[in-house]
N, C-alpha and C. Protein backbone atom coordinates (compact mmCIF):
# COMPACT_ATOMS: atom_id res chain seq x y z
N UNK A 1 -17.07 -22.14 -23.71
CA UNK A 1 -16.47 -22.42 -24.77
C UNK A 1 -17.03 -23.64 -25.24
N UNK A 2 -17.40 -24.00 -26.28
CA UNK A 2 -18.09 -25.04 -26.99
C UNK A 2 -19.62 -25.23 -26.52
N UNK A 3 -20.25 -26.19 -27.08
CA UNK A 3 -21.44 -26.37 -26.88
C UNK A 3 -21.65 -27.84 -26.52
N UNK A 4 -20.70 -28.73 -26.48
CA UNK A 4 -20.67 -30.16 -26.31
C UNK A 4 -21.22 -30.39 -24.86
N UNK A 5 -20.55 -29.82 -23.78
CA UNK A 5 -20.57 -29.92 -22.47
C UNK A 5 -22.32 -29.47 -22.14
N UNK A 6 -22.86 -28.35 -22.75
CA UNK A 6 -24.17 -28.21 -22.77
C UNK A 6 -25.19 -29.31 -23.14
N UNK A 7 -24.60 -29.51 -24.36
CA UNK A 7 -25.67 -30.54 -25.08
C UNK A 7 -25.80 -31.81 -24.21
N UNK A 8 -24.64 -32.29 -23.58
CA UNK A 8 -24.32 -33.62 -23.04
C UNK A 8 -25.47 -33.50 -21.64
N UNK A 9 -25.10 -31.94 -20.91
CA UNK A 9 -26.02 -32.01 -19.74
C UNK A 9 -27.38 -31.99 -19.81
N UNK A 10 -28.01 -31.34 -21.06
CA UNK A 10 -29.36 -31.36 -21.35
C UNK A 10 -29.81 -32.68 -21.58
N UNK A 11 -29.04 -33.52 -22.41
CA UNK A 11 -29.57 -34.99 -22.91
C UNK A 11 -29.31 -35.69 -21.79
N UNK A 12 -28.39 -35.94 -20.97
CA UNK A 12 -28.20 -36.72 -20.00
C UNK A 12 -28.34 -36.24 -18.64
N UNK A 13 -28.07 -35.34 -18.47
CA UNK A 13 -28.25 -34.85 -17.02
C UNK A 13 -26.98 -34.57 -16.47
N UNK A 14 -25.91 -34.78 -17.25
CA UNK A 14 -24.55 -34.70 -16.72
C UNK A 14 -23.55 -34.10 -17.98
N UNK A 15 -22.67 -33.36 -17.45
CA UNK A 15 -21.92 -32.69 -18.52
C UNK A 15 -20.94 -31.73 -17.84
N UNK A 16 -19.91 -31.06 -18.85
CA UNK A 16 -18.83 -30.15 -18.01
C UNK A 16 -18.64 -29.18 -19.04
N UNK A 17 -19.08 -28.06 -18.59
CA UNK A 17 -19.06 -26.61 -18.87
C UNK A 17 -17.72 -25.85 -18.96
N UNK A 18 -17.03 -25.49 -19.97
CA UNK A 18 -16.02 -24.46 -19.85
C UNK A 18 -16.31 -22.88 -19.80
N UNK A 19 -16.06 -22.30 -19.07
CA UNK A 19 -16.20 -20.56 -19.04
C UNK A 19 -15.00 -20.22 -19.09
N UNK A 20 -14.91 -18.90 -19.79
CA UNK A 20 -13.78 -18.35 -20.30
C UNK A 20 -13.98 -16.69 -19.79
N UNK A 21 -12.95 -15.92 -19.18
CA UNK A 21 -13.06 -14.65 -19.15
C UNK A 21 -13.20 -13.77 -20.78
N UNK A 22 -13.94 -12.94 -20.35
CA UNK A 22 -14.07 -11.95 -21.79
C UNK A 22 -12.86 -10.91 -21.88
N UNK A 23 -12.01 -11.39 -23.02
CA UNK A 23 -10.66 -10.47 -22.97
C UNK A 23 -10.33 -9.61 -24.18
N UNK A 24 -9.76 -8.66 -24.37
CA UNK A 24 -9.59 -8.03 -25.55
C UNK A 24 -7.99 -7.63 -25.21
N UNK A 25 -7.38 -7.86 -26.61
CA UNK A 25 -5.95 -7.12 -26.74
C UNK A 25 -5.91 -5.79 -27.02
N UNK A 26 -5.30 -4.80 -26.47
CA UNK A 26 -5.39 -3.40 -26.84
C UNK A 26 -3.94 -2.89 -26.95
N UNK A 27 -3.77 -1.83 -27.53
CA UNK A 27 -2.40 -1.15 -27.50
C UNK A 27 -2.32 -0.21 -26.30
N UNK A 28 -1.26 -0.19 -25.71
CA UNK A 28 -1.21 0.81 -24.66
C UNK A 28 -0.68 2.15 -24.97
N UNK A 29 -0.83 2.85 -23.94
CA UNK A 29 0.02 4.31 -24.42
C UNK A 29 1.69 4.48 -24.68
N UNK A 30 2.17 3.38 -23.98
CA UNK A 30 3.57 3.21 -24.24
C UNK A 30 3.98 2.58 -25.53
N UNK A 31 3.11 2.03 -26.30
CA UNK A 31 3.25 1.16 -27.52
C UNK A 31 3.28 -0.31 -27.15
N UNK A 32 3.08 -0.68 -26.14
CA UNK A 32 3.19 -2.06 -25.53
C UNK A 32 1.58 -2.64 -25.49
N UNK A 33 1.49 -3.89 -25.85
CA UNK A 33 0.18 -4.43 -25.91
C UNK A 33 -0.19 -4.81 -24.81
N UNK A 34 -1.54 -4.91 -24.36
CA UNK A 34 -1.83 -5.35 -23.15
C UNK A 34 -3.32 -6.16 -23.06
N UNK A 35 -3.31 -7.10 -22.48
CA UNK A 35 -4.53 -7.80 -22.20
C UNK A 35 -5.58 -7.27 -21.33
N UNK A 36 -6.58 -6.90 -21.76
CA UNK A 36 -7.73 -6.36 -20.83
C UNK A 36 -8.95 -7.25 -20.79
N UNK A 37 -8.99 -7.85 -19.49
CA UNK A 37 -10.12 -8.52 -18.98
C UNK A 37 -11.38 -7.97 -18.67
N UNK A 38 -12.35 -7.88 -19.48
CA UNK A 38 -13.60 -7.20 -19.05
C UNK A 38 -14.88 -7.73 -18.21
N UNK A 39 -14.78 -9.01 -18.18
CA UNK A 39 -15.68 -9.95 -17.41
C UNK A 39 -14.90 -11.28 -17.22
N UNK A 40 -15.14 -11.62 -15.63
CA UNK A 40 -14.33 -12.87 -15.39
C UNK A 40 -15.17 -13.72 -15.19
N UNK A 41 -14.87 -15.01 -15.14
CA UNK A 41 -15.95 -16.07 -14.92
C UNK A 41 -16.58 -16.18 -13.69
N UNK A 42 -17.84 -17.06 -13.68
CA UNK A 42 -18.43 -17.06 -12.46
C UNK A 42 -17.85 -17.51 -11.20
N UNK A 43 -17.63 -16.93 -10.01
CA UNK A 43 -17.00 -17.34 -8.82
C UNK A 43 -15.66 -17.20 -8.85
N UNK A 44 -15.09 -16.51 -9.76
CA UNK A 44 -13.64 -15.95 -9.59
C UNK A 44 -13.46 -14.85 -8.82
N UNK A 45 -12.59 -14.91 -7.94
CA UNK A 45 -12.18 -13.96 -7.03
C UNK A 45 -11.15 -13.21 -7.54
N UNK A 46 -11.28 -11.59 -7.76
CA UNK A 46 -10.35 -10.97 -8.71
C UNK A 46 -9.05 -10.58 -7.69
N UNK A 47 -9.17 -10.65 -6.42
CA UNK A 47 -7.77 -10.45 -5.93
C UNK A 47 -7.09 -11.79 -5.91
N UNK A 48 -7.77 -12.87 -5.61
CA UNK A 48 -6.92 -14.13 -5.83
C UNK A 48 -6.44 -14.30 -7.16
N UNK A 49 -7.15 -14.00 -8.16
CA UNK A 49 -6.29 -13.91 -9.78
C UNK A 49 -5.30 -13.03 -9.98
N UNK A 50 -5.16 -11.89 -9.16
CA UNK A 50 -4.14 -10.90 -9.50
C UNK A 50 -3.25 -11.52 -8.72
N UNK A 51 -3.18 -12.26 -7.37
CA UNK A 51 -2.05 -12.84 -6.79
C UNK A 51 -1.46 -13.95 -7.53
N UNK A 52 -2.51 -14.59 -8.04
CA UNK A 52 -1.87 -15.91 -8.80
C UNK A 52 -1.11 -15.48 -10.12
N UNK A 53 -1.70 -14.27 -10.98
CA UNK A 53 -0.93 -13.91 -11.83
C UNK A 53 0.40 -13.29 -11.59
N UNK A 54 0.53 -12.43 -10.28
CA UNK A 54 1.61 -12.10 -9.84
C UNK A 54 2.91 -13.35 -9.41
N UNK A 55 2.42 -14.19 -9.21
CA UNK A 55 3.18 -15.51 -8.55
C UNK A 55 3.70 -15.90 -10.12
N UNK A 56 2.99 -16.13 -11.21
CA UNK A 56 3.22 -16.56 -12.23
C UNK A 56 4.18 -15.69 -13.13
N UNK A 57 4.41 -14.50 -12.87
CA UNK A 57 5.24 -13.51 -13.35
C UNK A 57 6.48 -13.57 -12.60
N UNK A 58 6.45 -13.74 -11.24
CA UNK A 58 7.60 -13.71 -10.36
C UNK A 58 8.46 -14.95 -10.58
N UNK A 59 7.69 -16.17 -11.04
CA UNK A 59 8.09 -17.45 -11.02
C UNK A 59 8.76 -17.49 -12.45
N UNK A 60 8.25 -16.59 -13.65
CA UNK A 60 8.89 -16.79 -14.62
C UNK A 60 7.79 -17.79 -15.57
N UNK A 61 6.91 -18.09 -15.22
CA UNK A 61 5.87 -18.90 -16.16
C UNK A 61 4.99 -18.29 -16.94
N UNK A 62 4.97 -16.95 -16.89
CA UNK A 62 4.45 -15.93 -17.51
C UNK A 62 4.99 -14.93 -18.48
N UNK A 63 4.69 -14.76 -19.68
CA UNK A 63 5.57 -13.93 -20.41
C UNK A 63 5.28 -12.40 -20.10
N UNK A 64 3.97 -12.19 -19.36
CA UNK A 64 3.59 -10.61 -19.28
C UNK A 64 4.46 -10.03 -18.51
N UNK A 65 4.78 -8.80 -18.39
CA UNK A 65 5.57 -8.09 -17.59
C UNK A 65 4.90 -7.94 -16.37
N UNK A 66 3.81 -7.36 -16.22
CA UNK A 66 3.17 -6.92 -14.85
C UNK A 66 1.90 -6.86 -15.32
N UNK A 67 1.10 -6.86 -14.22
CA UNK A 67 -0.43 -6.74 -14.36
C UNK A 67 -0.64 -6.05 -13.08
N UNK A 68 -2.09 -5.29 -13.33
CA UNK A 68 -2.61 -4.33 -12.33
C UNK A 68 -4.09 -4.59 -12.34
N UNK A 69 -4.80 -4.62 -11.09
CA UNK A 69 -6.34 -4.77 -11.10
C UNK A 69 -6.75 -3.08 -10.98
N UNK A 70 -7.80 -2.95 -11.80
CA UNK A 70 -8.29 -1.71 -11.58
C UNK A 70 -9.74 -1.82 -12.23
N UNK A 71 -10.80 -1.06 -11.65
CA UNK A 71 -11.88 -1.04 -12.28
C UNK A 71 -12.62 0.31 -12.70
N UNK A 72 -12.79 0.48 -13.72
CA UNK A 72 -13.43 1.59 -14.44
C UNK A 72 -14.66 1.72 -14.94
N UNK A 73 -15.34 2.72 -15.18
CA UNK A 73 -16.68 2.77 -15.95
C UNK A 73 -16.50 3.63 -17.20
N UNK A 74 -15.41 3.59 -17.83
CA UNK A 74 -15.06 4.36 -19.02
C UNK A 74 -15.71 3.71 -20.20
N UNK A 75 -16.27 4.28 -21.12
CA UNK A 75 -16.94 3.74 -22.33
C UNK A 75 -17.79 2.64 -21.92
N UNK A 76 -18.52 2.76 -20.83
CA UNK A 76 -19.38 1.67 -20.40
C UNK A 76 -18.88 0.08 -20.39
N UNK A 77 -17.59 0.33 -19.70
CA UNK A 77 -16.69 -1.07 -19.98
C UNK A 77 -16.28 -1.12 -18.54
N UNK A 78 -16.35 -2.18 -17.55
CA UNK A 78 -15.82 -2.49 -16.71
C UNK A 78 -14.54 -3.20 -16.88
N UNK A 79 -13.25 -2.56 -16.48
CA UNK A 79 -12.05 -3.05 -16.50
C UNK A 79 -11.68 -4.05 -15.42
N UNK A 80 -11.61 -5.23 -15.37
CA UNK A 80 -11.24 -5.91 -14.02
C UNK A 80 -9.79 -6.45 -14.01
N UNK A 81 -8.98 -6.40 -15.26
CA UNK A 81 -7.60 -6.71 -14.81
C UNK A 81 -6.87 -6.23 -16.50
N UNK A 82 -5.72 -5.86 -16.36
CA UNK A 82 -4.92 -5.52 -17.38
C UNK A 82 -3.60 -6.00 -17.11
N UNK A 83 -3.01 -6.60 -18.25
CA UNK A 83 -1.60 -7.04 -18.10
C UNK A 83 -0.83 -6.75 -19.23
N UNK A 84 0.42 -5.93 -18.96
CA UNK A 84 1.11 -5.65 -20.07
C UNK A 84 2.14 -6.68 -20.31
N UNK A 85 2.29 -6.74 -21.81
CA UNK A 85 3.02 -7.47 -22.26
C UNK A 85 4.65 -6.82 -22.58
N UNK A 86 5.44 -8.09 -22.20
CA UNK A 86 6.89 -7.48 -22.62
C UNK A 86 7.08 -7.15 -24.12
N UNK A 87 7.89 -6.35 -24.60
CA UNK A 87 8.32 -6.05 -26.08
C UNK A 87 8.62 -7.21 -26.55
N UNK A 88 7.80 -7.37 -27.73
CA UNK A 88 8.12 -8.76 -28.36
C UNK A 88 7.34 -9.97 -28.36
N UNK A 89 6.76 -9.94 -27.13
CA UNK A 89 5.84 -11.07 -26.69
C UNK A 89 4.58 -11.15 -27.47
N UNK A 90 4.25 -12.20 -27.89
CA UNK A 90 2.94 -12.37 -28.55
C UNK A 90 1.77 -12.33 -27.39
N UNK A 91 0.87 -11.33 -27.68
CA UNK A 91 -0.11 -11.24 -26.44
C UNK A 91 -1.03 -12.86 -26.62
N UNK A 92 -1.26 -13.12 -27.72
CA UNK A 92 -2.28 -14.36 -27.80
C UNK A 92 -1.65 -15.51 -27.04
N UNK A 93 -0.13 -15.54 -27.06
CA UNK A 93 0.57 -16.67 -26.21
C UNK A 93 0.37 -16.22 -24.94
N UNK A 94 0.37 -15.03 -24.82
CA UNK A 94 0.53 -14.81 -23.02
C UNK A 94 -0.95 -15.08 -22.48
N UNK A 95 -2.01 -14.80 -23.51
CA UNK A 95 -3.44 -14.90 -22.99
C UNK A 95 -3.55 -16.41 -22.82
N UNK A 96 -3.20 -17.20 -23.99
CA UNK A 96 -3.40 -18.77 -23.64
C UNK A 96 -2.77 -19.33 -22.37
N UNK A 97 -1.51 -18.78 -22.07
CA UNK A 97 -0.81 -19.23 -20.92
C UNK A 97 -1.83 -18.90 -19.69
N UNK A 98 -2.48 -17.61 -19.80
CA UNK A 98 -3.24 -17.11 -18.31
C UNK A 98 -4.31 -18.05 -18.42
N UNK A 99 -4.80 -18.58 -19.52
CA UNK A 99 -6.28 -19.58 -19.35
C UNK A 99 -5.99 -20.59 -18.74
N UNK A 100 -4.53 -21.15 -19.29
CA UNK A 100 -4.04 -22.58 -18.62
C UNK A 100 -3.75 -22.34 -17.21
N UNK A 101 -3.12 -21.46 -16.82
CA UNK A 101 -2.41 -21.19 -15.43
C UNK A 101 -3.49 -20.90 -14.32
N UNK A 102 -4.45 -19.86 -14.83
CA UNK A 102 -5.10 -19.11 -13.95
C UNK A 102 -6.53 -19.74 -14.22
N UNK A 103 -7.57 -18.76 -13.22
CA UNK A 103 -8.76 -19.28 -13.25
C UNK A 103 -9.58 -18.37 -14.50
N UNK A 104 -8.91 -17.84 -15.43
CA UNK A 104 -9.56 -17.07 -16.33
C UNK A 104 -10.25 -18.17 -17.42
N UNK A 105 -10.06 -19.35 -17.24
CA UNK A 105 -10.67 -20.37 -18.10
C UNK A 105 -10.75 -21.40 -17.03
N UNK A 106 -12.15 -21.87 -16.77
CA UNK A 106 -12.56 -22.90 -15.76
C UNK A 106 -13.46 -23.96 -16.12
N UNK A 107 -13.97 -24.73 -15.59
CA UNK A 107 -14.90 -25.67 -16.00
C UNK A 107 -15.82 -26.04 -14.94
N UNK A 108 -17.18 -26.15 -15.16
CA UNK A 108 -18.06 -26.51 -14.19
C UNK A 108 -18.85 -27.71 -14.56
N UNK A 109 -18.70 -28.68 -13.58
CA UNK A 109 -19.40 -29.98 -13.95
C UNK A 109 -21.00 -29.69 -13.32
N UNK A 110 -21.78 -30.32 -14.25
CA UNK A 110 -23.23 -30.30 -14.09
C UNK A 110 -23.89 -31.61 -14.07
N UNK A 111 -24.53 -31.74 -12.79
CA UNK A 111 -25.18 -32.83 -12.30
C UNK A 111 -26.84 -32.50 -12.15
N UNK A 112 -27.45 -32.83 -13.06
CA UNK A 112 -29.05 -32.40 -12.66
C UNK A 112 -29.74 -33.22 -11.94
N UNK A 113 -29.72 -33.28 -10.61
CA UNK A 113 -29.87 -34.45 -9.72
C UNK A 113 -31.19 -33.86 -9.01
N UNK A 114 -32.13 -34.59 -8.89
CA UNK A 114 -33.46 -34.27 -8.31
C UNK A 114 -34.00 -35.52 -7.69
N UNK A 115 -34.85 -35.31 -6.15
CA UNK A 115 -35.68 -35.98 -5.71
C UNK A 115 -37.05 -36.27 -6.36
N UNK A 116 -37.19 -37.39 -6.82
CA UNK A 116 -38.38 -37.84 -7.58
C UNK A 116 -38.80 -39.08 -6.86
N UNK A 117 -39.95 -38.75 -6.26
CA UNK A 117 -40.82 -39.73 -5.38
C UNK A 117 -39.72 -40.08 -4.27
N UNK A 118 -39.09 -39.46 -3.58
CA UNK A 118 -38.31 -39.60 -2.53
C UNK A 118 -36.92 -40.34 -3.01
N UNK A 119 -36.50 -40.73 -4.23
CA UNK A 119 -35.53 -41.27 -4.72
C UNK A 119 -34.74 -40.19 -5.50
N UNK A 120 -33.31 -40.07 -5.39
CA UNK A 120 -32.38 -39.33 -6.16
C UNK A 120 -32.27 -39.73 -7.65
N UNK A 121 -32.43 -39.02 -8.63
CA UNK A 121 -32.28 -39.41 -9.91
C UNK A 121 -31.43 -38.11 -10.72
N UNK A 122 -30.87 -38.52 -11.63
CA UNK A 122 -30.36 -37.65 -12.63
C UNK A 122 -31.37 -37.33 -13.91
N UNK A 123 -31.57 -36.37 -14.11
CA UNK A 123 -32.62 -36.00 -15.17
C UNK A 123 -32.13 -35.33 -16.17
N UNK A 124 -32.62 -35.52 -17.33
CA UNK A 124 -32.29 -34.57 -18.54
C UNK A 124 -33.34 -33.50 -18.42
N UNK A 125 -32.99 -32.72 -19.52
CA UNK A 125 -33.59 -31.29 -19.27
C UNK A 125 -35.16 -31.63 -19.32
N UNK A 126 -35.70 -32.41 -20.27
CA UNK A 126 -37.07 -32.44 -20.52
C UNK A 126 -37.82 -32.98 -19.33
N UNK A 127 -37.18 -33.91 -18.68
CA UNK A 127 -37.48 -34.73 -17.57
C UNK A 127 -37.67 -33.56 -16.31
N UNK A 128 -36.64 -32.98 -16.22
CA UNK A 128 -36.30 -31.92 -15.11
C UNK A 128 -37.86 -30.86 -15.21
N UNK A 129 -37.78 -30.43 -16.51
CA UNK A 129 -39.10 -29.31 -16.72
C UNK A 129 -40.29 -30.03 -16.42
N UNK A 130 -40.58 -31.49 -16.88
CA UNK A 130 -41.76 -31.80 -16.60
C UNK A 130 -42.22 -32.10 -15.08
N UNK A 131 -41.10 -32.81 -14.44
CA UNK A 131 -41.11 -32.67 -12.91
C UNK A 131 -41.61 -31.44 -12.17
N UNK A 132 -40.81 -30.42 -12.78
CA UNK A 132 -40.97 -29.03 -12.13
C UNK A 132 -42.36 -28.41 -12.52
N UNK A 133 -42.96 -28.73 -13.68
CA UNK A 133 -44.28 -28.34 -14.19
C UNK A 133 -45.17 -29.02 -12.97
N UNK A 134 -44.98 -30.39 -13.08
CA UNK A 134 -46.04 -31.15 -11.89
C UNK A 134 -46.04 -30.70 -10.68
N UNK A 135 -44.79 -30.33 -10.11
CA UNK A 135 -44.78 -29.82 -8.66
C UNK A 135 -45.39 -28.76 -8.81
N UNK A 136 -45.30 -27.82 -9.80
CA UNK A 136 -45.91 -26.46 -9.55
C UNK A 136 -47.62 -26.51 -9.54
N UNK A 137 -48.14 -27.46 -10.42
CA UNK A 137 -49.40 -27.69 -10.60
C UNK A 137 -49.82 -28.47 -9.09
N UNK A 138 -49.12 -29.16 -8.41
CA UNK A 138 -49.59 -29.67 -7.17
C UNK A 138 -49.39 -28.54 -6.25
N UNK A 139 -48.52 -27.64 -5.94
CA UNK A 139 -48.41 -26.48 -5.32
C UNK A 139 -49.49 -25.58 -5.32
N UNK A 140 -49.93 -24.96 -6.67
CA UNK A 140 -51.11 -24.22 -6.84
C UNK A 140 -52.62 -25.23 -6.51
N UNK A 141 -52.65 -26.27 -6.73
CA UNK A 141 -53.70 -27.18 -6.55
C UNK A 141 -54.04 -27.03 -5.09
N UNK A 142 -52.85 -27.35 -4.26
CA UNK A 142 -52.92 -27.46 -2.71
C UNK A 142 -53.36 -26.15 -1.96
N UNK A 143 -52.65 -25.22 -2.57
CA UNK A 143 -52.79 -23.56 -2.05
C UNK A 143 -54.27 -23.33 -2.56
N UNK A 144 -54.73 -23.66 -3.53
CA UNK A 144 -56.19 -23.19 -3.94
C UNK A 144 -57.20 -23.78 -2.99
N UNK A 145 -56.67 -25.26 -2.75
CA UNK A 145 -58.03 -25.90 -2.02
C UNK A 145 -57.82 -25.49 -0.48
N UNK A 146 -56.61 -25.11 0.12
CA UNK A 146 -56.52 -24.45 1.30
C UNK A 146 -57.10 -23.30 1.49
N UNK A 147 -57.24 -22.30 0.47
CA UNK A 147 -57.89 -20.89 0.40
C UNK A 147 -59.51 -21.04 0.44
N UNK A 148 -59.67 -22.27 -0.31
CA UNK A 148 -61.18 -22.45 -0.37
C UNK A 148 -61.65 -22.99 1.03
N UNK A 149 -60.97 -23.95 1.56
CA UNK A 149 -61.45 -24.30 2.97
C UNK A 149 -61.48 -23.52 4.05
N UNK A 150 -60.56 -22.47 3.75
CA UNK A 150 -60.15 -21.41 4.99
C UNK A 150 -61.71 -20.58 5.32
N UNK A 151 -62.18 -20.32 6.81
CA UNK A 151 -63.25 -19.60 6.70
C UNK A 151 -63.03 -18.26 6.56
N UNK A 152 -63.73 -17.12 6.26
CA UNK A 152 -63.49 -15.77 5.92
C UNK A 152 -64.63 -15.20 6.80
N UNK A 153 -64.22 -13.85 7.49
CA UNK A 153 -65.08 -12.85 8.31
C UNK A 153 -65.58 -11.91 7.21
N UNK A 154 -66.44 -11.64 7.38
CA UNK A 154 -67.26 -10.36 6.10
C UNK A 154 -66.51 -9.10 6.40
N UNK A 155 -65.80 -8.99 7.38
CA UNK A 155 -64.93 -7.46 7.66
C UNK A 155 -63.54 -7.55 7.06
N UNK A 156 -63.06 -8.85 7.17
CA UNK A 156 -61.67 -8.84 6.56
C UNK A 156 -61.41 -9.30 5.25
N UNK A 157 -60.53 -9.00 4.70
CA UNK A 157 -60.39 -9.58 3.29
C UNK A 157 -59.17 -10.60 3.41
N UNK A 158 -58.94 -11.38 2.36
CA UNK A 158 -58.03 -12.58 2.47
C UNK A 158 -56.59 -11.98 2.17
N UNK A 159 -56.41 -10.76 1.84
CA UNK A 159 -55.07 -10.36 2.03
C UNK A 159 -54.85 -8.95 2.57
N UNK A 160 -53.75 -8.73 3.37
CA UNK A 160 -53.18 -7.68 4.17
C UNK A 160 -52.81 -6.74 3.15
N UNK A 161 -53.26 -5.59 3.53
CA UNK A 161 -52.77 -4.13 2.60
C UNK A 161 -51.42 -3.76 3.09
């Protein structure tokens, strides 16, 4: 959600990135609208999310009537969660409540921390890439020097088949 957190992380090495589930609002077979979640945010456990939504419905904090977890491959779409709304409930309001009270929306902190000459430093993206390229040059140079110094026999090749 938004690009400010990504921009901050790239420019300063620190930022906060909001991630949200991919959702659609569909008309159910019984005429009720339902919220279908097709992709969950990174590191969200589907079972724990289902428990949290059930708790919200039980305590009355969620206007949705019920929800059930299922996984289908119909129409090249994996349905992770669907929640039916009460008659007359605005599904967008229900979805906003779910974003607020569950892990359907979460934020990740970004800290691009690296050891530079044995000292931990927070680097921006350009510095991070520069140090990585320098490291790769060092690795390839050392490996090549090692392979050139290694004695070879006439009958064996340098790589095993």
